[in-house]
C-alpha cells in the first residue's frame, strides 16, 4: 500500500476493514426501464441522502446503473431501497468490487485442498480458495499457486497459514479473448462476429486441429497464434488488467489510463529540436546515426531515425556553440575538418577530407558481443571509435562537428551535456535501540546505510554522566532513571548539515523534539511510552499542543490497534486512536510489522509515525527488514519530492594532490591584468585567473558526507554478517523453532567476532603510540581515543524581533546590520557623544617620539638572539 493515509473520522466514515463480514461496500442501483440514465443528478443525490446520508461516492456506469460506495454501517440500508420517487429500482451488491483476490505461492501447501484452505483461513476473512492447475497430456497438474478471495475490498499484504507467514500479491487474470472472432474484450457468447476464425492462421472455414496454414495473429498480424502470450496486443491487454486490479477501477478507465501513457508510434517530441535556424541557409534537419553504412539520409528516411531528448538549457548551450562555430567557419575554412576515428590506444587524428559533400558516408560502430539488453540501452548512444576523444579536442572542434556529423560525439561529450544527476532522498528514522551503548556500532550502521537527517532512539538506558556522541551529528537527550538505575530514555541525532534547533518540552513523558529547516520549518518529536505504565490522556494532549505545526510524532507507543495492522486492540491503542481523532492527525503506517517478540515468535506493530495532514503527500513510510541486533525494526520516512538538495559539506581543494607545474603554466599573471581603469576590475581579473587555474590543476573534495569509520571491520565480520542476514531471512519466511535457533546462533557468532575484532584493532592502535612517534601524531591519536573531534556547527536559527530566520544569507545580513547599529553613533549616550566631539576637535601630534623603548635602535646581535629564541613555524 506504500504510505497510504489512515485518517479517522468516526462521525461519517468507517474503514473497510472495520465493516462486518460480508457487508457490501459497493452497491449497484438498477432500473429495468433504464430510467436512471436520464434522471437528474440532483434528484439522485437527494434520494440517496434521504436513505443513507452522505456516501463515499456515486458514479454512473456505462450500462446506466448507479454505483454507490458506502462509508458507514448505517448506509447498509441502501439494500432496502425499492423506489426513487416513482421509479422502481433494485439494489444489489457489486459482483467484484466488494471482494479482492490474491495469490499465495508456497510449496508447503501442495497437498492442502481448497476446502481446507477455506476452513482454516476463515478467521482471516478468506471466503473462497482455488488452486491454479495446469493441463498437460490430458492430466491435471496442481501448482504451488492458490487464488484466495478475501471479504474486505482491501487486499492484505500477508497472511499466516499455520506457522508460515505467506506474502499475498494481487491476482491479475489473463485478458478475455473471444474463441470465435479472436478479439480481446468479450467472450464467445457475446460475440457479434459473422464467422468463426482459426486461432492459428486467423482464416475462416476450418478448425484449429486441421489447420495447415502458417501462424498469423488476428490482432497484431504477427507470425504467431492469436492466443500467444508474446503478442503485443496480449501484453497490452494484460497491462490493462493489471491497472484495473491495482487501482480498483473499471476496465474502461484502466484502458484509458494505459492508452494515455503508452507512447504513440511515429511520433517524437524532440523532432522540433532537430532543426537549426541559420540566417544564410534554409532549415535542414540534423542527421541522426543509424546502425549501418549509409549515405547522408534524405527526407524519406526520417521515419527510421533515432532521437535523443536533451534538456532545454543544454540545448541552448549547444546552439550557442554552433553559432560560434559558424562565425569561425566564415573566417577560416580549415575548421571544417572532421575528426577521424582512431584505433585503440592511439590519439584520434583529424580527417582532412571534406565531409560536407553529398557523397560523404558515416560508419557506425557496432559491437557483436553486446547482449540484447545492452543494445537496447545503447541504442541512442553516439559512438565513433573504440577510444574516446579527449576533452581538449572536443572543446576546439565539437562546436562545428556536432552539427555536421553527430556521430563523432563520444562519451566525454555525453557525460558533460547528457549527465543524469542522482538525487539522494532525505530520511527521518525512528528506532528502539534497546540500549545505546551496547548498540553503538549498530547505530553507526544505520547512519552509514540511510544517512538520515534525523534519527530518534528509544530506550537508550543512559545515565547523565555517560556521553553519546556521533560524528557529524548533534545529540539531544532526555534520560530517564528509576532510582539509581537507567530506564527508558530518548535521544535525537540531527545532522550538522541541516539547520536545526531544539524545542524545550514541558512534559512528564519521555519525549524529545527538534525543529529542522527544509523548504519550511518542520518539527520532529520522538516519544517513548513504556508498556506497563499508565499514560494520562491530558499529558498526550499537552505534548501535542507544545509542538509547532507541521510536525512528526514518531516512536515506540506500545499500543495495539487494528487501525495500524495489529490483530487486536488494547487500551493503549484506543488511547492513541482517540488522540489522532481529537487533533486531526494522520497515520502513515502501512500495516508493516515493527517489533519481533522473541519469546512468542510473533510480529507486532507498535512503532508508529503520526504527522500533520500537510506532510502526508510528501513523505513515504517504510520499515527496514533488518533488526540491527535489537527487537524493533527501524521505521523510515522518505521525502518523495526532489525540490530540496541532499546536504553536503563545503567543497575544498586537495592541495596534497595538486599538479603545481600545471598550475604554474596555466596561471599566467601579466601586467596587462592590472592595467585597468578600476581596481575592482583588476582584482576580479586576477582572482578569476587564479581560481580557474586552480580548478584545472588541483582536485577538489566531493562534498559528500563521509560515512562513520569502522576500522575494525574485516572480511570475517562481513562473512558473519551475511550468515546472520541469511538466517534471519530463513526465519522470517519459515518461522520455526529450528530456524529461530539457527538465527540466535548466527547472531551470537556475529557479536563474538565483532567484539574480538574491535579488541584486536584497539590493542593494535594503542600499541602504535611509541617513542618514535612525533608528539603531534601522539596527541592526535589520544584525541581520537577519547572521541574528541571538531564538529563545525554553523548558526542554524536566529530569533530577530520575534521572527525565526534560517537562511544563511539572511542570518549574515541581520548580524552585520545589528553590529553596524551597535557601533554607530546613534547607540551612544548623549554625554559620550558630546565628550567625543570635544576630544576630536583637539589636534593630535603624530610625529614619532624616540623616548619609547619600541622606537629605540637595536643591534645586530639582539636581532640574532631574538630569532634564535623564537619557535620555528
Foldseek 3Di string as FASTA:
>chain_A
DWQDWDFDDVVAADDLVPDPFPQFFKKKKDAPVLPLQVDDPVLVVVQLCVQQNDAPDWDQDPVSIIITGGGDPSSSSVQVDQDSVPGGIHMDGDPPQQKFKWKWFDPVCQPPDFVNCCVQCVVVQWNGKDFDWDADPNDTHTHRIMITMGRGSDDDQWDQDPQFIIGIDGDQDFFEAEQFQRDTDDYVVPDPDDGGAEQFDRHGDDYVVPDPDFGAAPPQRDRGGSPDCVDPVRVLRSQLSVCCNVVVHDSVVSNVVSVVPDDDALDDPCQVLQWADDPVDDTDGFAADDQAKDFGDDPVPPSPGDDDDFDPVLSVVLNVLLVVVVVVCVVDVQLQWAWAADAPPDATDIHSDRQQDRGHIAGDDDDPVDDPVVCVVCVRPQEHYPDAHDPVVCVRRVSNCCRSPVNNHHPVNCCVGVNDDDFQWAKAKEAAPLACVVLVVLVLVVCQVRVHQKYKYKFHFDDPVDDDDDPQWDKDWDWDDDPPGTTIIMIMTGGLLWQKDWADADAPFRKTKMWTAFVHIEIEMEGDDDQPDDDDLVRVVSRVVSTPPWYKYWYFQNFADVSQAHPDGDPSNVSVSVVCNVVVKIWRHDNDFWFADLVVRDTGHRITIITHPVCSVFWIWDWDPDNSPHGTTMIMITGRDRPTGDGFADKDWDVVQFDVVQLVVQQDDDPVLCPDPDNVSSVVSNVVSNVVSCPVGTDMDPRHDDRGDDVLDDVVLVVLVVQLVVLSVVCNRRVDPVSSVSNVVSVVVNVVSSVVSVVVVVVVLVVVDDPVDDPVVVVVSVCVVVVDDDDDRDNQWDQDPNDIDGDPVVVVVVVVVVVVVCPDPVNDDPVVVVVVVVVVVDDDDPDDDCPDPVNDDDDPVVVVVVVVPDDDD
